[in-house]
């Protein structure tokens, strides 16, 4: 069972000066919490800091924050007999919902305390959400909505570290379009941009949910294949060519692609892995035999 309360927080209604109009104990509590909430712009960390304070007043097994663009959950959250939801508003506009998983009903006194604490939380939370959104945009290619080179650099490090821990393999596929400049020169940049968008969609349709597609810039793209095998890379390669052949726009302008495939091996760092995939792409474009070896782990 869920109960929803609405907490509306105008920016002008609550600030540090109003703290001193409250009791001394409340003021000290609120100032201490505000100080902690200002130490991070990570949404999940904010919710965990907030949960530590809330635990002084209610017995809960989890706290869940849901915003249209991001969700966060306290560490070790689990289900309970009931849920109590508070709808958060900022300047009269819906901001998000914070949900408490509880086994014991929240008293009216503690309900009031929660409402006051939410007023302290919402502005730091708004700052953190805006920071998250800005970082997401900084990691995204504006034309295709794929991850950009910066996003690739971070994801490849994580993928390689996870593969080493789990004794699995990572595959890399580098992709570019053949004679793309000719399309731009002959038909204009608007058509060229549309070709890039269609190619990006073809790549996304050809990979698994666990894989990642990026655009480096121009007509250069890459795919990180997690838990890879020779067969999985071959299947993705075949899917890319097939999906491109079925795309009306790509077929209309006779757009083809070259792909370079490589596996991470145990001695690879990001640079060496990147260079082998790049060399594989160059080899294919030059119509040279591509060496495609499974590196043994160990």
Protein backbone atom coordinates (compact mmCIF):
# COMPACT_ATOMS: atom_id res chain seq x y z
CA UNK A 1 0.00 0.00 0.00
CA UNK A 2 1.32 3.44 -0.92
CA UNK A 3 0.44 6.84 0.51
CA UNK A 4 1.49 9.98 -1.34
CA UNK A 5 2.30 13.30 0.30
CA UNK A 6 3.19 16.41 -1.67
CA UNK A 7 6.15 18.53 -0.64
CA UNK A 8 6.45 21.81 -2.52
CA UNK A 9 9.68 23.73 -2.08
CA UNK A 10 9.88 27.25 -3.56
CA UNK A 11 13.45 28.47 -3.73
CA UNK A 12 12.54 31.66 -1.91
CA UNK A 13 10.64 29.97 0.90
CA UNK A 14 13.49 28.17 2.59
CA UNK A 15 17.07 29.19 3.10
CA UNK A 16 19.75 29.10 5.75
CA UNK A 17 18.37 32.22 7.51
CA UNK A 18 15.03 30.56 8.26
CA UNK A 19 16.86 27.88 10.20
CA UNK A 20 17.42 30.29 13.05
CA UNK A 21 13.67 30.91 13.37
CA UNK A 22 13.30 27.31 14.47
CA UNK A 23 14.29 25.69 17.74
CA UNK A 24 17.99 25.52 18.53
CA UNK A 25 17.93 21.73 18.24
CA UNK A 26 16.23 21.87 14.86
CA UNK A 27 18.63 24.53 13.66
CA UNK A 28 21.68 22.48 14.59
CA UNK A 29 20.20 19.39 12.96
CA UNK A 30 19.30 21.20 9.79
CA UNK A 31 22.59 23.05 9.49
CA UNK A 32 24.53 19.82 9.97
CA UNK A 33 22.46 18.04 7.35
CA UNK A 34 22.76 20.91 4.87
CA UNK A 35 26.51 20.90 5.31
CA UNK A 36 26.66 17.18 4.50
CA UNK A 37 24.31 17.50 1.53
CA UNK A 38 26.57 20.13 0.03
CA UNK A 39 29.56 17.79 -0.10
CA UNK A 40 28.53 15.88 -3.24
CA UNK A 41 26.79 16.18 -6.59
CA UNK A 42 26.21 12.44 -6.84
CA UNK A 43 22.49 11.68 -6.55
CA UNK A 44 22.92 8.24 -5.00
CA UNK A 45 25.40 9.53 -2.45
CA UNK A 46 23.00 12.34 -1.53
CA UNK A 47 20.21 9.82 -0.92
CA UNK A 48 22.53 7.75 1.28
CA UNK A 49 23.54 10.83 3.32
CA UNK A 50 19.90 11.75 3.66
CA UNK A 51 18.96 8.20 4.69
CA UNK A 52 21.43 8.35 7.59
CA UNK A 53 19.55 11.36 8.99
CA UNK A 54 16.10 9.89 8.31
CA UNK A 55 17.05 6.72 10.18
CA UNK A 56 16.99 8.76 13.40
CA UNK A 57 13.22 9.22 13.05
CA UNK A 58 11.70 6.30 11.15
CA UNK A 59 12.37 2.61 10.73
CA UNK A 60 12.70 1.89 7.01
CA UNK A 61 14.17 -0.90 4.89
CA UNK A 62 14.77 1.23 1.82
CA UNK A 63 14.52 4.68 0.28
CA UNK A 64 13.92 5.14 -3.43
CA UNK A 65 14.18 8.41 -5.34
CA UNK A 66 12.67 8.64 -8.81
CA UNK A 67 13.19 11.59 -11.16
CA UNK A 68 12.20 11.68 -14.85
CA UNK A 69 15.88 11.43 -15.81
CA UNK A 70 17.51 9.50 -12.96
CA UNK A 71 16.71 7.01 -10.19
CA UNK A 72 18.61 6.33 -6.98
CA UNK A 73 18.24 3.81 -4.18
CA UNK A 74 19.87 3.57 -0.78
CA UNK A 75 22.40 0.84 -0.23
CA UNK A 76 20.93 -2.56 0.72
CA UNK A 77 17.34 -1.40 0.16
CA UNK A 78 14.72 -4.13 0.33
CA UNK A 79 10.95 -4.46 0.23
CA UNK A 80 8.74 -3.92 3.27
CA UNK A 81 5.07 -4.32 4.24
CA UNK A 82 4.13 -0.88 2.99
CA UNK A 83 5.41 2.14 1.10
CA UNK A 84 5.05 5.81 1.93
CA UNK A 85 5.56 8.18 -0.98
CA UNK A 86 6.24 11.90 -0.97
CA UNK A 87 5.88 13.87 -4.19
CA UNK A 88 8.57 16.54 -4.35
CA UNK A 89 7.92 19.84 -6.09
CA UNK A 90 10.26 22.71 -6.81
CA UNK A 91 8.71 26.12 -7.50
CA UNK A 92 5.35 24.46 -8.00
CA UNK A 93 6.68 22.03 -10.62
CA UNK A 94 6.87 18.27 -10.21
CA UNK A 95 10.46 17.28 -9.41
CA UNK A 96 10.36 13.66 -8.32
CA UNK A 97 9.08 11.10 -5.85
CA UNK A 98 10.81 9.79 -2.76
CA UNK A 99 9.50 6.48 -1.45
CA UNK A 100 10.08 4.87 1.95
CA UNK A 101 9.72 1.11 2.41
CA UNK A 102 8.39 0.75 5.97
CA UNK A 103 7.11 -2.04 8.20
CA UNK A 104 5.68 0.34 10.81
CA UNK A 105 3.40 3.29 10.00
CA UNK A 106 5.07 6.71 10.17
CA UNK A 107 3.71 8.80 13.02
CA UNK A 108 2.26 12.25 12.41
CA UNK A 109 5.17 13.80 14.30
CA UNK A 110 7.77 12.04 12.18
CA UNK A 111 5.73 12.72 9.06
CA UNK A 112 6.19 16.42 9.80
CA UNK A 113 9.92 15.90 10.40
CA UNK A 114 10.25 14.15 7.03
CA UNK A 115 8.53 17.04 5.29
CA UNK A 116 11.02 19.47 6.86
CA UNK A 117 13.95 17.25 5.88
CA UNK A 118 12.69 17.05 2.31
CA UNK A 119 12.79 20.85 2.16
CA UNK A 120 16.48 20.62 3.02
CA UNK A 121 17.10 17.85 0.50
CA UNK A 122 15.36 19.17 -2.59
CA UNK A 123 17.73 21.98 -3.61
CA UNK A 124 20.95 19.92 -3.24
CA UNK A 125 19.12 17.11 -5.06
CA UNK A 126 18.13 19.48 -7.85
CA UNK A 127 21.76 20.61 -8.19
CA UNK A 128 22.89 16.99 -8.38
CA UNK A 129 20.28 16.10 -11.02
CA UNK A 130 21.28 19.10 -13.14
CA UNK A 131 24.94 18.11 -12.81
CA UNK A 132 24.10 14.54 -13.86
CA UNK A 133 22.20 15.82 -16.90
CA UNK A 134 25.09 18.10 -17.87
CA UNK A 135 27.55 15.21 -17.58
CA UNK A 136 25.28 13.00 -19.68
CA UNK A 137 25.21 15.64 -22.42
CA UNK A 138 29.00 15.97 -22.23
CA UNK A 139 29.28 12.22 -22.85
CA UNK A 140 26.84 12.17 -25.78
CA UNK A 141 27.18 12.80 -29.48
CA UNK A 142 24.60 15.44 -30.30
CA UNK A 143 23.82 14.17 -33.82
CA UNK A 144 23.33 10.44 -33.22
CA UNK A 145 22.67 10.45 -29.44
CA UNK A 146 25.36 7.75 -29.08
CA UNK A 147 28.14 7.95 -26.54
CA UNK A 148 31.07 10.09 -27.70
CA UNK A 149 34.83 9.52 -27.53
CA UNK A 150 34.97 10.67 -23.92
CA UNK A 151 32.24 8.19 -23.03
CA UNK A 152 34.10 5.44 -24.92
CA UNK A 153 37.31 6.13 -22.98
CA UNK A 154 35.54 5.66 -19.66
CA UNK A 155 33.51 2.63 -20.72
CA UNK A 156 36.44 0.73 -22.24
CA UNK A 157 38.38 1.04 -18.98
CA UNK A 158 35.44 -0.36 -17.02
CA UNK A 159 34.82 -3.14 -19.53
CA UNK A 160 38.46 -4.25 -19.51
CA UNK A 161 38.65 -4.19 -15.71
CA UNK A 162 35.44 -6.22 -15.41
CA UNK A 163 36.68 -8.72 -18.00
CA UNK A 164 39.94 -9.23 -16.09
CA UNK A 165 38.05 -9.83 -12.85
CA UNK A 166 35.52 -12.17 -14.43
CA UNK A 167 37.96 -13.98 -16.74
CA UNK A 168 35.92 -12.98 -19.79
CA UNK A 169 36.84 -11.24 -23.04
CA UNK A 170 36.09 -7.83 -24.47
CA UNK A 171 35.77 -7.27 -28.19
CA UNK A 172 36.21 -4.03 -30.11
CA UNK A 173 34.70 -3.23 -33.48
CA UNK A 174 35.83 -0.05 -35.21
CA UNK A 175 33.58 1.13 -38.05
CA UNK A 176 33.65 3.82 -40.66
CA UNK A 177 31.84 4.58 -43.89
CA UNK A 178 33.52 4.07 -47.24
CA UNK A 179 33.73 7.21 -49.41
CA UNK A 180 31.56 9.18 -46.99
CA UNK A 181 33.16 12.45 -48.12
CA UNK A 182 31.79 11.84 -51.60
CA UNK A 183 28.25 11.64 -50.17
CA UNK A 184 28.74 14.96 -48.37
CA UNK A 185 30.27 16.64 -51.40
CA UNK A 186 27.66 15.35 -53.86
CA UNK A 187 24.46 15.61 -51.84
CA UNK A 188 25.23 18.11 -49.06
CA UNK A 189 25.79 17.94 -45.32
CA UNK A 190 22.10 17.52 -44.48
CA UNK A 191 22.05 14.23 -46.39
CA UNK A 192 25.42 13.33 -44.89
CA UNK A 193 24.08 13.87 -41.38
CA UNK A 194 21.04 11.73 -42.17
CA UNK A 195 23.32 8.96 -43.44
CA UNK A 196 25.27 9.08 -40.16
CA UNK A 197 22.05 8.87 -38.14
CA UNK A 198 20.86 5.86 -40.14
CA UNK A 199 24.24 4.17 -39.80
CA UNK A 200 24.18 4.75 -36.03
CA UNK A 201 20.76 3.11 -35.85
CA UNK A 202 21.99 0.18 -37.93
CA UNK A 203 24.83 -0.36 -35.46
CA UNK A 204 22.48 -0.17 -32.47
CA UNK A 205 20.12 -2.68 -34.06
CA UNK A 206 23.00 -5.09 -34.65
CA UNK A 207 24.36 -5.39 -31.10
CA UNK A 208 23.14 -6.97 -27.89
CA UNK A 209 21.74 -5.02 -24.92
CA UNK A 210 25.02 -5.57 -23.08
CA UNK A 211 27.15 -3.95 -25.81
CA UNK A 212 27.93 -0.25 -26.30
CA UNK A 213 27.99 1.86 -29.47
CA UNK A 214 29.87 5.17 -29.81
CA UNK A 215 30.56 7.84 -32.39
CA UNK A 216 34.05 9.31 -32.28
CA UNK A 217 33.27 12.03 -34.81
CA UNK A 218 32.86 12.29 -38.57
CA UNK A 219 32.06 8.82 -39.88
CA UNK A 220 34.08 7.00 -37.21
CA UNK A 221 32.18 4.70 -34.84
CA UNK A 222 33.09 1.97 -32.37
CA UNK A 223 31.40 -0.88 -30.53
CA UNK A 224 32.47 -2.40 -27.22
CA UNK A 225 31.36 -6.04 -27.09
CA UNK A 226 31.23 -7.41 -23.55
CA UNK A 227 31.67 -11.11 -22.73
CA UNK A 228 32.82 -11.53 -26.31
CA UNK A 229 33.68 -14.58 -28.37
CA UNK A 230 34.82 -14.99 -31.96
CA UNK A 231 31.31 -16.09 -32.90
CA UNK A 232 29.62 -13.14 -31.18
CA UNK A 233 31.84 -10.64 -33.02
CA UNK A 234 31.25 -12.44 -36.31
CA UNK A 235 27.49 -12.42 -35.75
CA UNK A 236 27.52 -8.68 -34.98
CA UNK A 237 29.65 -8.03 -38.05
CA UNK A 238 27.19 -9.94 -40.26
CA UNK A 239 24.21 -8.19 -38.66
CA UNK A 240 25.72 -4.78 -39.37
CA UNK A 241 26.17 -5.54 -43.06
CA UNK A 242 22.68 -7.05 -43.28
CA UNK A 243 20.99 -4.17 -41.42
CA UNK A 244 22.76 -1.63 -43.63
CA UNK A 245 21.59 -3.46 -46.74
CA UNK A 246 17.99 -3.28 -45.51
CA UNK A 247 18.14 0.45 -44.76
CA UNK A 248 16.47 2.34 -47.64
CA UNK A 249 18.49 5.54 -47.18
CA UNK A 250 21.87 3.78 -46.93
CA UNK A 251 21.01 1.65 -49.95
CA UNK A 252 19.88 4.70 -51.92
CA UNK A 253 23.25 6.39 -51.53
CA UNK A 254 25.15 3.12 -51.86
CA UNK A 255 26.72 3.53 -48.42
CA UNK A 256 29.04 0.73 -47.31
CA UNK A 257 31.19 0.27 -44.23
CA UNK A 258 34.54 -1.14 -43.22
CA UNK A 259 34.87 -2.91 -39.87
CA UNK A 260 37.95 -3.69 -37.81
CA UNK A 261 37.62 -6.40 -35.14
CA UNK A 262 39.93 -7.11 -32.21
CA UNK A 263 39.97 -8.98 -28.89
CA UNK A 264 41.47 -7.78 -25.66
CA UNK A 265 44.29 -9.99 -24.43
CA UNK A 266 45.89 -10.27 -21.01
CA UNK A 267 48.76 -7.88 -21.75
CA UNK A 268 46.58 -5.16 -23.29
CA UNK A 269 46.07 -1.74 -21.88
CA UNK A 270 43.53 0.66 -23.37
CA UNK A 271 46.08 2.09 -25.82
CA UNK A 272 47.34 -1.22 -27.20
CA UNK A 273 43.82 -2.62 -27.49
CA UNK A 274 42.65 0.52 -29.31
CA UNK A 275 45.60 0.41 -31.72
CA UNK A 276 44.98 -3.22 -32.68
CA UNK A 277 41.34 -2.50 -33.49
CA UNK A 278 42.38 0.58 -35.43
CA UNK A 279 44.96 -1.43 -37.37
CA UNK A 280 42.35 -4.09 -38.12
CA UNK A 281 40.10 -1.41 -39.61
CA UNK A 282 42.95 -0.01 -41.67
CA UNK A 283 43.80 -3.49 -42.92
CA UNK A 284 40.26 -4.09 -44.10
CA UNK A 285 40.07 -0.73 -45.84
CA UNK A 286 43.29 -1.54 -47.64
CA UNK A 287 41.90 -4.98 -48.58
CA UNK A 288 44.65 -6.67 -46.61
CA UNK A 289 44.09 -10.03 -44.85
CA UNK A 290 42.92 -9.36 -41.32
CA UNK A 291 44.49 -11.33 -38.52
CA UNK A 292 41.77 -12.36 -36.12
CA UNK A 293 43.08 -14.40 -33.21
CA UNK A 294 41.56 -15.34 -29.90
CA UNK A 295 44.07 -14.39 -27.24
CA UNK A 296 44.26 -16.91 -24.46
CA UNK A 297 43.62 -15.67 -20.92
CA UNK A 298 46.11 -16.42 -18.27
